[in-house]
Protein backbone atom coordinates (compact mmCIF):
# COMPACT_ATOMS: atom_id res chain seq x y z
CA MET A 1 -84.34 -35.65 -102.39
CA ASN A 2 -86.36 -32.93 -104.24
CA ASN A 3 -85.16 -31.50 -107.47
CA VAL A 4 -87.29 -28.42 -107.27
CA ILE A 5 -89.47 -26.70 -104.61
CA THR A 6 -91.52 -23.55 -104.22
CA ILE A 7 -91.40 -21.58 -100.88
CA ASN A 8 -93.83 -18.86 -100.06
CA ILE A 9 -93.14 -16.36 -97.33
CA ALA A 10 -96.21 -14.34 -96.43
CA GLY A 11 -97.13 -11.58 -93.95
CA ALA A 12 -97.59 -7.81 -93.68
CA ALA A 13 -95.17 -5.08 -94.78
CA GLY A 14 -92.65 -4.36 -92.28
CA GLN A 15 -92.35 -8.11 -90.89
CA GLY A 16 -89.06 -8.66 -92.73
CA MET A 17 -90.31 -10.99 -95.51
CA GLN A 18 -87.90 -9.54 -98.04
CA THR A 19 -84.96 -10.08 -95.64
CA ILE A 20 -85.85 -13.72 -94.98
CA GLY A 21 -86.19 -14.38 -98.63
CA PHE A 22 -82.87 -12.76 -99.68
CA LEU A 23 -80.89 -14.31 -97.04
CA LEU A 24 -82.52 -17.89 -97.77
CA SER A 25 -81.73 -17.36 -101.42
CA LYS A 26 -78.13 -16.53 -100.41
CA ILE A 27 -77.90 -19.64 -98.35
CA PHE A 28 -79.39 -21.89 -101.14
CA ILE A 29 -76.88 -20.35 -103.82
CA ARG A 30 -73.88 -20.82 -101.54
CA SER A 31 -75.16 -24.48 -101.31
CA GLY A 32 -74.84 -24.98 -105.05
CA LEU A 33 -78.57 -24.43 -105.94
CA HIS A 34 -80.40 -22.04 -108.23
CA VAL A 35 -83.26 -19.58 -106.95
CA PHE A 36 -85.58 -17.50 -108.78
CA ALA A 37 -87.55 -15.06 -106.44
CA VAL A 38 -90.63 -12.74 -107.06
CA GLN A 39 -92.24 -10.38 -104.73
CA ASP A 40 -95.82 -9.53 -104.39
CA ASN A 41 -96.47 -6.20 -102.61
CA GLU A 42 -99.46 -4.18 -101.84
CA SER A 43 -99.19 -0.45 -102.20
CA ARG A 44 -98.60 0.50 -98.57
CA ILE A 45 -95.64 1.08 -96.24
CA ARG A 46 -96.89 -1.20 -93.32
CA GLY A 47 -99.53 -3.86 -92.92
CA GLY A 48 -101.60 -5.31 -95.72
CA HIS A 49 -100.58 -8.61 -97.45
CA ASN A 50 -97.40 -9.24 -98.97
CA PHE A 51 -95.39 -12.27 -99.88
CA ILE A 52 -92.07 -13.44 -101.55
CA SER A 53 -92.07 -16.66 -103.68
CA LEU A 54 -88.77 -18.52 -104.15
CA ARG A 55 -88.33 -21.45 -106.58
CA VAL A 56 -85.44 -23.38 -105.74
CA SER A 57 -83.74 -26.12 -107.91
CA GLN A 58 -80.54 -27.75 -108.88
CA LYS A 59 -80.78 -26.25 -112.33
CA PRO A 60 -81.35 -22.70 -113.43
CA VAL A 61 -85.02 -21.44 -112.82
CA MET A 62 -86.70 -18.21 -114.05
CA ALA A 63 -90.30 -18.76 -113.12
CA VAL A 64 -92.51 -19.31 -110.05
CA THR A 65 -95.44 -21.67 -109.61
CA LYS A 66 -98.91 -20.62 -108.13
CA SER A 67 -98.76 -23.75 -106.07
CA PHE A 68 -96.14 -24.09 -103.31
CA ASP A 69 -94.33 -26.84 -101.22
CA LEU A 70 -93.69 -24.72 -98.15
CA LEU A 71 -95.64 -21.86 -96.69
CA VAL A 72 -94.29 -19.58 -93.86
CA ALA A 73 -97.18 -17.57 -92.48
CA LEU A 74 -96.22 -14.53 -90.33
CA ASN A 75 -99.78 -13.52 -89.57
CA GLN A 76 -103.27 -14.61 -89.79
CA ASN A 77 -104.01 -12.80 -93.10
CA ALA A 78 -101.30 -15.01 -94.83
CA PHE A 79 -103.45 -18.09 -94.01
CA ASN A 80 -106.59 -16.33 -95.17
CA ALA A 81 -105.09 -15.34 -98.42
CA HIS A 82 -103.37 -18.62 -99.23
CA GLN A 83 -105.30 -21.48 -97.87
CA ASN A 84 -107.01 -22.36 -101.00
CA ARG A 85 -103.61 -22.90 -102.58
CA LEU A 86 -102.52 -25.26 -99.78
CA SER A 87 -102.32 -29.05 -100.84
CA ASP A 88 -102.26 -32.01 -98.32
CA THR A 89 -98.54 -32.16 -98.63
CA THR A 90 -97.82 -28.34 -98.25
CA VAL A 91 -95.62 -27.71 -95.13
CA VAL A 92 -96.90 -24.80 -93.28
CA ILE A 93 -94.73 -23.11 -90.64
CA PHE A 94 -96.61 -20.69 -88.38
CA ASP A 95 -96.88 -19.40 -84.82
CA THR A 96 -99.99 -19.96 -83.06
CA ALA A 97 -99.46 -16.67 -81.08
CA MET A 98 -99.43 -14.82 -84.39
CA VAL A 99 -101.95 -17.02 -86.27
CA PRO A 100 -104.63 -17.96 -83.62
CA SER A 101 -106.78 -19.67 -86.46
CA GLY A 102 -104.64 -22.18 -88.42
CA PRO A 103 -105.19 -23.71 -91.79
CA PHE A 104 -107.67 -26.54 -92.57
CA ARG A 105 -105.15 -28.62 -94.57
CA GLY A 106 -101.46 -29.16 -95.04
CA CYS A 107 -98.67 -30.58 -92.82
CA LEU A 108 -98.88 -27.89 -89.85
CA CYS A 109 -95.54 -26.97 -88.32
CA ASP A 110 -96.27 -24.78 -85.46
CA VAL A 111 -93.20 -22.99 -84.28
CA PRO A 112 -93.27 -20.57 -81.43
CA MET A 113 -91.43 -17.94 -83.28
CA GLN A 114 -91.85 -14.94 -80.96
CA GLN A 115 -91.03 -16.94 -77.83
CA ILE A 116 -87.94 -18.47 -79.28
CA ALA A 117 -86.80 -15.06 -80.59
CA LEU A 118 -87.29 -13.56 -77.26
CA GLU A 119 -85.35 -16.39 -75.43
CA SER A 120 -82.51 -16.83 -77.81
CA GLY A 121 -82.18 -13.34 -79.41
CA GLY A 122 -83.44 -11.15 -76.68
CA ASP A 123 -86.14 -9.51 -78.58
CA GLU A 124 -89.21 -10.50 -80.71
CA ILE A 125 -87.71 -8.62 -83.57
CA TYR A 126 -85.77 -11.70 -84.26
CA SER A 127 -88.76 -13.82 -85.13
CA ASN A 128 -88.01 -13.73 -88.82
CA ALA A 129 -84.53 -15.14 -88.03
CA VAL A 130 -86.20 -17.90 -86.15
CA ALA A 131 -88.37 -18.51 -89.34
CA LEU A 132 -85.31 -18.51 -91.52
CA GLY A 133 -83.82 -21.36 -89.33
CA ALA A 134 -87.03 -23.31 -89.47
CA ILE A 135 -87.02 -23.14 -93.51
CA VAL A 136 -83.42 -24.32 -93.49
CA ALA A 137 -84.23 -27.29 -91.21
CA ILE A 138 -87.31 -28.23 -93.26
CA VAL A 139 -85.28 -28.41 -96.48
CA ARG A 140 -82.36 -30.13 -94.52
CA GLY A 141 -79.86 -27.39 -95.52
CA SER A 142 -76.56 -26.55 -93.85
CA ARG A 143 -76.70 -24.72 -90.56
CA ASP A 144 -72.97 -23.71 -91.02
CA VAL A 145 -73.85 -22.05 -94.44
CA MET A 146 -77.00 -20.34 -92.67
CA GLU A 147 -74.66 -18.98 -89.99
CA ALA A 148 -72.01 -17.81 -92.25
CA THR A 149 -74.59 -15.98 -94.45
CA LEU A 150 -76.05 -14.21 -91.39
CA ASN A 151 -72.58 -13.14 -90.35
CA ASP A 152 -71.75 -11.87 -93.73
CA TYR A 153 -74.98 -9.96 -94.05
CA PHE A 154 -74.63 -8.27 -90.59
CA SER A 155 -70.83 -7.80 -90.63
CA GLN A 156 -71.02 -4.29 -89.58
CA LYS A 157 -73.27 -5.08 -86.49
CA GLU A 158 -71.54 -7.72 -84.39
CA LYS A 159 -74.24 -8.00 -81.69
CA VAL A 160 -77.20 -7.87 -84.23
CA ALA A 161 -75.36 -10.87 -86.14
CA ALA A 162 -74.95 -12.69 -83.07
CA ALA A 163 -78.45 -12.33 -82.07
CA ASN A 164 -79.75 -13.39 -85.68
CA CYS A 165 -77.50 -16.43 -85.53
CA SER A 166 -78.65 -17.48 -82.17
CA ALA A 167 -82.38 -17.09 -83.00
CA ALA A 168 -81.89 -18.91 -86.36
CA ARG A 169 -80.04 -21.69 -84.73
CA ALA A 170 -82.80 -22.10 -82.11
CA GLY A 171 -85.53 -22.08 -84.88
CA HIS A 172 -83.70 -24.74 -86.81
CA ASP A 173 -82.94 -26.90 -83.84
CA HIS A 174 -86.63 -26.60 -82.75
CA VAL A 175 -87.95 -27.95 -85.92
CA LEU A 176 -85.54 -30.91 -86.10
CA LYS A 177 -86.42 -31.86 -82.56
CA ILE A 178 -90.27 -31.30 -82.56
CA HIS A 179 -91.35 -31.67 -86.29
CA SER A 180 -88.47 -33.89 -87.65
CA ASN A 181 -91.14 -35.80 -89.77
CA PHE A 182 -91.57 -32.77 -91.91
CA SER A 183 -88.92 -32.75 -94.55
CA LEU A 184 -88.39 -31.31 -97.99
CA PRO A 185 -84.85 -32.16 -98.63
CA LEU A 186 -83.13 -30.37 -101.38
CA SER A 187 -80.24 -31.98 -103.19
CA PRO A 188 -77.34 -29.39 -104.08
CA SER A 189 -75.78 -29.77 -107.25
CA SER A 190 -72.48 -31.42 -106.82
CA SER A 191 -70.98 -30.41 -110.25
CA ASP A 192 -71.69 -26.56 -109.97
CA LYS A 193 -69.87 -24.79 -107.13
CA THR A 194 -68.82 -21.52 -108.89
CA ARG A 195 -69.73 -18.31 -107.06
CA LYS A 196 -72.87 -16.82 -108.55
CA MET A 197 -74.82 -13.44 -108.21
CA PHE A 198 -78.31 -13.00 -106.82
CA ILE A 199 -79.51 -10.03 -108.63
CA SER A 200 -82.84 -8.29 -109.65
CA GLY A 201 -83.58 -7.15 -113.12
CA HIS A 202 -83.26 -3.39 -112.25
CA GLU A 203 -79.91 -4.01 -110.23
CA ALA A 204 -78.71 -5.57 -113.60
CA ILE A 205 -79.90 -2.36 -115.46
CA ALA A 206 -77.98 -0.16 -112.95
CA LEU A 207 -74.79 -2.29 -113.24
CA GLY A 208 -75.19 -2.22 -116.95
CA ALA A 209 -75.36 1.76 -116.81
CA LEU A 210 -72.24 1.66 -114.74
CA ALA A 211 -70.59 -0.71 -117.09
CA ALA A 212 -71.46 1.53 -120.12
CA GLY A 213 -69.90 4.48 -118.42
CA CYS A 214 -73.13 6.42 -117.29
CA GLN A 215 -72.02 9.81 -115.88
CA PHE A 216 -75.28 11.39 -114.83
CA TYR A 217 -78.63 9.98 -113.72
CA ALA A 218 -81.63 12.01 -112.71
CA ALA A 219 -84.85 10.37 -111.81
CA TYR A 220 -87.80 11.07 -109.51
CA PRO A 221 -88.93 8.24 -107.28
CA MET A 222 -91.81 6.08 -108.86
CA SER A 223 -92.34 2.47 -108.44
CA PRO A 224 -91.28 0.28 -109.86
CA ALA A 225 -88.33 2.31 -111.30
CA THR A 226 -87.28 3.74 -107.89
CA SER A 227 -85.04 0.56 -107.41
CA ILE A 228 -82.58 1.81 -110.14
CA LEU A 229 -82.31 5.43 -108.47
CA SER A 230 -81.51 3.65 -104.97
CA TYR A 231 -78.92 1.49 -106.47
CA LEU A 232 -77.15 3.94 -108.46
CA ALA A 233 -77.11 6.60 -105.45
CA GLY A 234 -75.33 4.06 -103.49
CA LYS A 235 -72.62 3.43 -106.08
CA ALA A 236 -72.32 7.17 -107.22
CA ASP A 237 -69.15 7.90 -105.38
CA ASP A 238 -67.34 4.69 -106.48
CA PHE A 239 -68.01 5.47 -110.22
CA SER A 240 -67.68 9.29 -110.55
CA LEU A 241 -71.41 9.36 -111.31
CA VAL A 242 -73.81 12.25 -110.62
CA VAL A 243 -77.12 11.07 -109.26
CA GLU A 244 -79.83 13.64 -108.88
CA GLN A 245 -83.40 13.38 -107.57
CA PRO A 246 -85.26 16.63 -108.96
CA GLU A 247 -88.56 17.81 -108.12
CA ASP A 248 -90.49 15.89 -110.79
CA GLU A 249 -90.19 13.70 -113.87
CA ILE A 250 -90.17 16.72 -116.24
CA ALA A 251 -87.17 17.98 -114.52
CA ALA A 252 -85.41 14.58 -114.46
CA ILE A 253 -85.65 14.14 -118.23
CA ASN A 254 -84.70 17.88 -118.91
CA MET A 255 -81.63 17.33 -116.66
CA ALA A 256 -80.48 14.04 -118.30
CA ILE A 257 -80.86 15.72 -121.70
CA GLY A 258 -78.79 18.72 -120.56
CA ALA A 259 -76.06 16.57 -119.34
CA SER A 260 -76.01 14.71 -122.62
CA CYS A 261 -75.73 18.06 -124.51
CA VAL A 262 -72.31 18.75 -122.99
CA GLY A 263 -71.15 15.19 -123.67
CA LEU A 264 -72.12 13.13 -120.67
CA ARG A 265 -73.54 9.61 -120.95
CA SER A 266 -76.90 10.14 -119.28
CA MET A 267 -80.00 8.12 -118.20
CA THR A 268 -83.41 8.53 -116.45
CA ALA A 269 -85.94 6.14 -115.45
CA THR A 270 -89.62 6.30 -114.48
CA SER A 271 -92.94 4.36 -114.87
CA GLY A 272 -95.80 4.83 -117.25
CA GLY A 273 -97.24 7.93 -115.23
CA GLY A 274 -93.99 9.61 -115.03
CA PHE A 275 -93.16 8.86 -118.72
CA SER A 276 -96.35 10.62 -119.53
CA LEU A 277 -94.81 13.81 -118.14
CA MET A 278 -91.71 13.13 -119.87
CA VAL A 279 -93.08 12.86 -123.43
CA GLU A 280 -92.74 16.42 -124.67
CA THR A 281 -89.10 16.36 -123.59
CA LEU A 282 -88.62 13.06 -125.35
CA GLY A 283 -89.55 14.86 -128.56
CA LEU A 284 -86.88 17.43 -127.93
CA SER A 285 -84.42 14.54 -127.69
CA GLY A 286 -85.59 13.39 -130.93
CA ILE A 287 -85.70 16.74 -132.96
CA ALA A 288 -82.36 18.09 -131.30
CA GLU A 289 -80.66 14.73 -131.81
CA ILE A 290 -79.51 14.36 -128.21
CA PRO A 291 -78.49 10.89 -126.90
CA LEU A 292 -80.70 9.71 -124.23
CA VAL A 293 -81.19 6.34 -122.43
CA LEU A 294 -84.64 6.15 -120.75
CA VAL A 295 -86.01 3.26 -118.64
CA GLU A 296 -89.73 2.79 -118.66
CA SER A 297 -90.76 0.43 -116.01
CA GLN A 298 -94.39 -0.57 -116.58
CA ARG A 299 -97.16 -0.99 -114.07
CA PRO A 300 -100.93 -1.32 -114.58
CA GLY A 301 -102.62 1.80 -115.68
CA PRO A 302 -104.27 4.11 -116.45
CA ALA A 303 -103.56 6.81 -114.08
CA THR A 304 -102.30 5.38 -110.70
CA GLY A 305 -103.58 2.06 -111.60
CA LEU A 306 -102.02 -0.78 -109.59
CA ALA A 307 -98.80 0.93 -108.30
CA THR A 308 -96.91 -2.05 -107.02
CA ARG A 309 -98.30 -4.70 -109.75
CA THR A 310 -97.03 -5.71 -113.22
CA GLU A 311 -98.34 -5.39 -116.75
CA GLN A 312 -96.95 -5.12 -120.42
CA ALA A 313 -99.51 -2.54 -121.67
CA ASP A 314 -97.14 0.48 -122.43
CA LEU A 315 -95.41 -1.13 -125.66
CA ARG A 316 -97.46 0.95 -128.10
CA PHE A 317 -97.27 4.08 -125.86
CA VAL A 318 -93.27 4.12 -125.84
CA MET A 319 -93.13 3.41 -129.64
CA HIS A 320 -95.07 6.50 -130.55
CA ALA A 321 -94.96 8.73 -127.65
CA ALA A 322 -94.51 12.57 -128.39
CA GLN A 323 -96.01 14.50 -131.33
CA GLY A 324 -94.54 14.07 -134.68
CA GLU A 325 -92.20 11.58 -136.10
CA PHE A 326 -88.72 10.83 -135.18
CA PRO A 327 -86.50 7.71 -134.74
CA ARG A 328 -86.07 5.87 -131.47
CA VAL A 329 -85.23 2.27 -130.34
CA VAL A 330 -87.14 0.21 -127.80
CA LEU A 331 -85.43 -2.68 -126.07
CA ALA A 332 -87.16 -5.09 -123.70
CA PRO A 333 -84.96 -7.47 -121.58
CA GLY A 334 -86.46 -10.58 -120.31
CA THR A 335 -83.86 -11.64 -117.68
CA ALA A 336 -81.29 -9.94 -115.47
CA ARG A 337 -78.52 -10.97 -117.85
CA GLU A 338 -80.36 -9.53 -120.88
CA ALA A 339 -80.93 -6.36 -118.79
CA PHE A 340 -77.27 -5.87 -118.12
CA TYR A 341 -76.26 -6.27 -121.70
CA LEU A 342 -79.15 -4.38 -123.40
CA THR A 343 -78.43 -1.45 -121.19
CA ILE A 344 -74.90 -1.30 -122.30
CA LYS A 345 -76.14 -1.64 -125.91
CA ALA A 346 -78.69 1.18 -125.30
CA PHE A 347 -75.87 3.53 -124.40
CA GLN A 348 -73.91 2.64 -127.60
CA ILE A 349 -76.97 3.06 -129.77
CA ALA A 350 -78.00 6.37 -128.17
CA ASP A 351 -74.46 7.85 -128.24
CA GLU A 352 -73.76 6.65 -131.90
CA TYR A 353 -77.04 7.65 -133.55
CA GLN A 354 -77.96 10.44 -131.36
CA MET A 355 -81.39 9.45 -130.56
CA PRO A 356 -83.37 8.28 -127.59
CA VAL A 357 -83.25 4.61 -126.59
CA ILE A 358 -86.03 3.41 -124.25
CA ILE A 359 -85.61 0.26 -122.19
CA LEU A 360 -88.96 -1.29 -121.53
CA THR A 361 -89.17 -3.28 -118.21
CA ASP A 362 -92.09 -3.95 -115.79
CA GLN A 363 -92.40 -4.64 -112.23
CA TYR A 364 -92.10 -8.29 -112.49
CA LEU A 365 -88.54 -7.95 -114.11
CA ALA A 366 -87.68 -5.06 -111.96
CA ASP A 367 -88.16 -6.92 -108.64
CA SER A 368 -87.54 -10.56 -109.47
CA CYS A 369 -84.11 -11.83 -108.45
CA PHE A 370 -82.07 -14.29 -110.62
CA THR A 371 -79.36 -16.68 -109.97
CA GLU A 372 -76.89 -15.65 -112.46
CA GLU A 373 -73.24 -16.28 -113.67
CA ARG A 374 -71.01 -13.20 -113.33
CA PHE A 375 -71.30 -10.74 -116.14
CA THR A 376 -68.45 -10.59 -118.45
CA PHE A 377 -66.82 -7.46 -120.12
CA ASP A 378 -64.89 -9.29 -122.83
CA HIS A 379 -67.00 -7.92 -125.80
CA MET A 380 -67.75 -4.56 -124.45
CA MET A 381 -66.73 -1.56 -126.48
CA ASN A 382 -67.68 1.70 -124.53
CA LYS A 383 -66.52 3.83 -127.61
CA ARG A 384 -67.74 7.35 -127.74
CA PHE A 385 -68.80 8.73 -130.88
CA PHE A 386 -67.52 12.25 -130.91
CA SER A 387 -66.34 14.22 -133.92
CA GLU A 388 -63.08 16.16 -133.96
CA ALA A 389 -63.97 19.57 -132.48
CA LEU A 390 -62.92 22.63 -134.57
CA LEU A 391 -60.01 24.55 -133.18
CA PRO A 392 -61.01 27.91 -131.45
CA GLU A 393 -58.98 29.84 -134.14
CA SER A 394 -60.82 28.05 -136.98
CA THR A 395 -63.17 30.26 -139.11
CA GLU A 396 -65.04 27.28 -140.39
CA ALA A 397 -68.72 27.17 -139.31
CA PHE A 398 -69.62 24.18 -137.18
CA LEU A 399 -72.71 22.49 -138.66
CA ARG A 400 -74.18 20.62 -135.62
CA TYR A 401 -76.96 19.32 -138.05
CA ARG A 402 -75.08 18.87 -141.18
CA PHE A 403 -76.50 16.55 -143.95
CA THR A 404 -74.60 13.45 -144.19
CA ASP A 405 -74.83 10.13 -146.05
CA THR A 406 -75.47 8.22 -142.80
CA GLY A 407 -77.77 10.85 -141.21
CA ILE A 408 -75.34 11.17 -138.32
CA SER A 409 -74.05 14.81 -137.85
CA PRO A 410 -71.13 16.04 -136.16
CA ARG A 411 -71.09 16.14 -132.35
CA TYR A 412 -68.31 16.77 -129.68
CA PRO A 413 -68.28 17.49 -125.92
CA ILE A 414 -68.60 21.02 -124.67
CA THR A 415 -65.58 21.87 -122.66
CA GLY A 416 -65.47 25.78 -122.99
CA ASP A 417 -62.53 25.39 -125.37
CA HIS A 418 -64.68 24.95 -128.56
CA LYS A 419 -67.14 26.77 -130.73
CA GLU A 420 -70.81 26.68 -129.64
CA MET A 421 -73.40 24.02 -130.53
CA MET A 422 -76.92 24.97 -131.00
CA TYR A 423 -79.80 22.82 -129.67
CA ASP A 424 -83.27 23.94 -129.98
CA SER A 425 -86.89 22.36 -130.01
CA HIS A 426 -87.77 23.93 -133.14
CA GLU A 427 -86.95 22.81 -136.59
CA HIS A 428 -83.51 24.11 -137.55
CA THR A 429 -81.00 24.48 -140.18
CA GLU A 430 -77.69 22.74 -140.49
CA SER A 431 -76.13 25.11 -137.98
CA GLY A 432 -78.99 24.83 -135.53
CA HIS A 433 -80.64 28.10 -136.07
CA ILE A 434 -84.68 28.09 -136.23
CA THR A 435 -86.19 27.80 -139.59
CA GLU A 436 -89.62 27.23 -141.24
CA ASP A 437 -88.13 26.65 -144.67
CA ALA A 438 -89.98 23.69 -146.31
CA GLY A 439 -87.08 22.23 -148.11
CA ILE A 440 -84.89 22.25 -145.04
CA ARG A 441 -87.81 20.63 -142.99
CA THR A 442 -88.15 17.92 -145.38
CA GLY A 443 -84.44 17.37 -145.61
CA MET A 444 -84.00 17.22 -141.80
CA VAL A 445 -86.83 14.63 -141.24
CA LYS A 446 -85.29 12.41 -143.97
CA LYS A 447 -81.86 12.96 -142.38
CA ARG A 448 -83.12 11.94 -138.96
CA PHE A 449 -84.71 8.82 -140.18
CA LYS A 450 -81.82 8.01 -142.43
CA LYS A 451 -80.05 7.04 -139.26
CA MET A 452 -82.53 3.99 -138.71
CA GLU A 453 -80.69 2.29 -141.65
CA GLY A 454 -77.72 2.06 -139.39
CA VAL A 455 -79.79 1.17 -136.34
CA PHE A 456 -81.32 -1.65 -138.23
CA SER A 457 -78.05 -3.51 -138.54
CA LYS A 458 -77.47 -3.40 -134.73
CA ILE A 459 -81.05 -4.79 -133.92
CA ALA A 460 -80.73 -8.54 -133.01
CA SER A 461 -82.85 -11.27 -134.29
CA PRO A 462 -85.53 -12.73 -131.86
CA MET A 463 -84.16 -15.43 -129.74
CA VAL A 464 -85.58 -18.83 -130.80
CA GLU A 465 -85.38 -22.04 -128.91
CA GLY A 466 -87.18 -25.57 -128.53
CA ALA A 467 -88.15 -28.16 -131.03
CA GLN A 468 -87.31 -27.44 -134.80
CA GLU A 469 -90.43 -29.26 -135.95
CA ALA A 470 -92.94 -27.96 -133.43
CA SER A 471 -96.72 -28.26 -133.49
CA LEU A 472 -96.85 -24.84 -131.62
CA LEU A 473 -94.74 -21.86 -131.62
CA LEU A 474 -95.04 -19.45 -128.43
CA VAL A 475 -94.36 -15.80 -128.84
CA GLY A 476 -93.52 -13.41 -126.20
CA TRP A 477 -91.52 -10.31 -125.23
CA GLY A 478 -89.73 -8.83 -122.19
CA SER A 479 -90.50 -10.53 -118.84
CA THR A 480 -92.47 -13.37 -120.10
CA TYR A 481 -89.33 -15.03 -121.40
CA GLY A 482 -88.56 -17.06 -118.19
CA VAL A 483 -91.86 -18.86 -117.78
CA LEU A 484 -92.17 -19.39 -121.50
CA HIS A 485 -88.57 -20.78 -121.57
CA GLU A 486 -89.32 -23.17 -118.72
CA ILE A 487 -92.63 -24.39 -120.18
CA THR A 488 -90.97 -24.86 -123.58
CA ALA A 489 -88.14 -27.09 -122.01
CA ALA A 490 -90.67 -28.95 -119.87
CA LEU A 491 -93.02 -29.97 -122.71
CA ASN A 492 -90.29 -30.87 -125.08
CA SER A 493 -88.90 -33.10 -122.34
CA GLU A 494 -92.28 -34.76 -122.19
CA GLY A 495 -92.28 -35.38 -125.93
CA ILE A 496 -94.55 -32.43 -126.79
CA PRO A 497 -92.72 -30.38 -129.42
CA VAL A 498 -93.08 -26.69 -128.71
CA ARG A 499 -90.90 -23.81 -129.93
CA LEU A 500 -90.35 -20.32 -128.55
CA MET A 501 -89.68 -17.04 -130.11
CA HIS A 502 -88.66 -14.27 -127.62
CA ILE A 503 -88.47 -10.73 -129.00
CA GLN A 504 -86.12 -8.56 -126.81
CA GLU A 505 -85.34 -5.82 -129.34
CA LEU A 506 -88.79 -4.59 -130.43
CA TRP A 507 -88.37 -1.32 -132.20
CA PRO A 508 -87.15 -1.00 -134.99
CA PHE A 509 -89.11 -4.36 -135.33
CA PRO A 510 -86.99 -7.26 -136.80
CA VAL A 511 -89.28 -7.96 -139.69
CA LYS A 512 -87.32 -10.30 -141.83
CA SER A 513 -86.24 -12.59 -139.09
CA ALA A 514 -89.86 -12.47 -137.49
CA ILE A 515 -91.26 -13.50 -140.93
CA ALA A 516 -88.82 -16.18 -141.46
CA GLU A 517 -89.80 -17.90 -138.13
CA LEU A 518 -93.58 -17.22 -138.04
CA SER A 519 -94.25 -18.23 -141.62
CA GLN A 520 -92.73 -21.66 -140.96
CA ALA A 521 -94.83 -22.18 -137.78
CA LYS A 522 -97.82 -24.51 -138.11
CA LYS A 523 -99.52 -22.57 -135.24
CA TRP A 524 -98.35 -19.66 -133.29
CA VAL A 525 -99.67 -18.04 -130.30
CA VAL A 526 -98.77 -14.59 -128.53
CA VAL A 527 -98.32 -14.46 -124.66
CA GLU A 528 -98.35 -11.22 -122.86
CA ASN A 529 -99.49 -9.35 -119.87
CA ASN A 530 -102.10 -6.78 -121.35
CA TYR A 531 -105.66 -6.91 -122.57
CA THR A 532 -105.33 -5.91 -126.26
CA SER A 533 -102.37 -8.23 -127.37
CA GLN A 534 -100.17 -5.19 -128.21
CA LEU A 535 -97.42 -7.58 -129.74
CA SER A 536 -99.83 -9.31 -131.98
CA GLY A 537 -100.87 -6.02 -133.31
CA LEU A 538 -97.33 -4.94 -134.00
CA ILE A 539 -96.56 -8.32 -135.64
CA ARG A 540 -99.71 -8.05 -137.81
CA GLU A 541 -98.80 -4.27 -138.82
CA LYS A 542 -95.20 -5.16 -139.80
CA THR A 543 -95.62 -8.72 -141.28
CA CYS A 544 -99.27 -9.05 -142.36
CA LEU A 545 -99.34 -12.31 -140.27
CA GLN A 546 -102.13 -13.36 -137.94
CA PRO A 547 -101.47 -15.37 -134.74
CA SER A 548 -103.44 -18.43 -134.20
CA GLY A 549 -104.50 -17.27 -130.68
CA THR A 550 -103.39 -15.25 -127.68
CA ILE A 551 -102.85 -15.96 -123.97
CA LEU A 552 -103.34 -12.86 -122.04
CA LYS A 553 -103.25 -11.79 -118.51
CA TYR A 554 -103.84 -8.24 -117.01
CA ASP A 555 -104.71 -8.71 -113.34
CA GLY A 556 -101.50 -7.20 -112.01
CA ARG A 557 -99.70 -10.42 -111.54
CA PRO A 558 -97.23 -12.40 -113.72
CA PHE A 559 -97.78 -15.68 -115.42
CA TYR A 560 -97.08 -18.66 -112.97
CA PHE A 561 -95.51 -21.68 -114.60
CA ASP A 562 -98.37 -24.14 -113.59
CA GLU A 563 -101.25 -21.77 -114.71
CA LEU A 564 -99.63 -20.86 -118.04
CA ARG A 565 -98.52 -24.46 -118.78
CA ASP A 566 -102.28 -25.33 -118.55
CA GLU A 567 -103.21 -22.58 -120.95
CA VAL A 568 -100.41 -23.67 -123.47
CA MET A 569 -101.68 -27.25 -123.28
CA LYS A 570 -105.05 -26.16 -124.35
CA GLU A 571 -103.53 -24.47 -127.40
CA VAL A 572 -101.59 -27.75 -128.18
CA GLU A 573 -104.92 -29.83 -127.92
CA ARG A 574 -107.04 -27.46 -130.07
């Protein structure tokens, strides 16, 4: 029995690879296994070369490998793109009608998918169901679980469900009959049968927003942030949520701020290019002290860059975007679970301290799917931080920007029954009227930054794990956590002491806890997906500490477990 395998399903956009990968993952999870899935897509609607990789194990997994144990090639290009990654033991499922020129190595498992789909399902469109059945047969999975999963997925389309089940059964039986010598049996965990979620990073952010009581969401579609818009639009009616797709990103952030002004919890999301357009209005959120949660989902730039790829190159950008100085918070989740809880935290901080909070993700986290235990709500506190409003008959002036010891000024929701609140992009007096008075300007800047003292108390220390006495400390942020976690665990199990520091709450930077960990390290190396090692520069700026080295990748692809392990071992041996 295998403890862990990697499955790669490759073809052209429109061939249903994501559907195969999603259904296959559901089958594995229902069988007591853990799955981590990552998508690799070209920026086109149909055609090109795309693939989805699944890593399946008895234990939790959060990374994929560059090598794989099973390849499903749905067209010739899939072979051409991946043949150099095939080993002699890689099982390759393909259809000679779709792939006339087969691979030069691997265990070749020819399955006439189009013919079987036509005979069993009545249409060649069910070829991907045949492929699904073939994969389940190779890993010796349960046919009953496979059929139950298909019936659930197509529960609203009885005839489609029946055709898919028939095609999947035929593919499964064909492999067991003709290719029974090809086998990658997976052993399900006998101890863990609890129901689990299979959820992407951006789905987790959307759920976190709903859990936090988000009432208004505005966004213009821009990959990879669009998945949040799609998910929330589908849930809007069930959660009394207004979801709006305006004409551009500038309108989106202005609408979100407008909703926040009247007291609604609001959010927007975009990628780096869209965030560039939002920058001036981000400054409005800062100077007018309007709560705002903004998701910036990174992709390689500049300009359009690589629209469907991943990178971590916007850290410095979001920390300093907009002219002038004003407080903000930057959070960077590394898993779906962190994405859920940090989104809730983002709304709490934005609401309490009346400032923008940016959740920094990337394409890798956005589109990767994790096997997760159900999220809990035990420790959630969706408290609103409104002041007691003045009564209509009161003659007391309402000072929206009153100077206070904490820097937090009075704020209440606008319902029509209360006195007006002034919001303006200019510098202003305590009442909100425009001013150029030097003393008031100085006081207002200090007041806004006074709030950061309270924010600091909410920022969590970096997550630290691994050997206490380690020869090497790996330092990462955001989406690199999964692969660094697995490498740290693997090397320690082999007797190579390694430690990991994962920073998920980046700004304001947790200086004291970072210094405490870094100053004890014999050697520390920063791992991130950008060219200039932006985290290294931030650490150096805030702690005066210099890393021993960096491991950087900026080709638009995430770190794979096996390739990053090799790089880490080089650092261990140096």
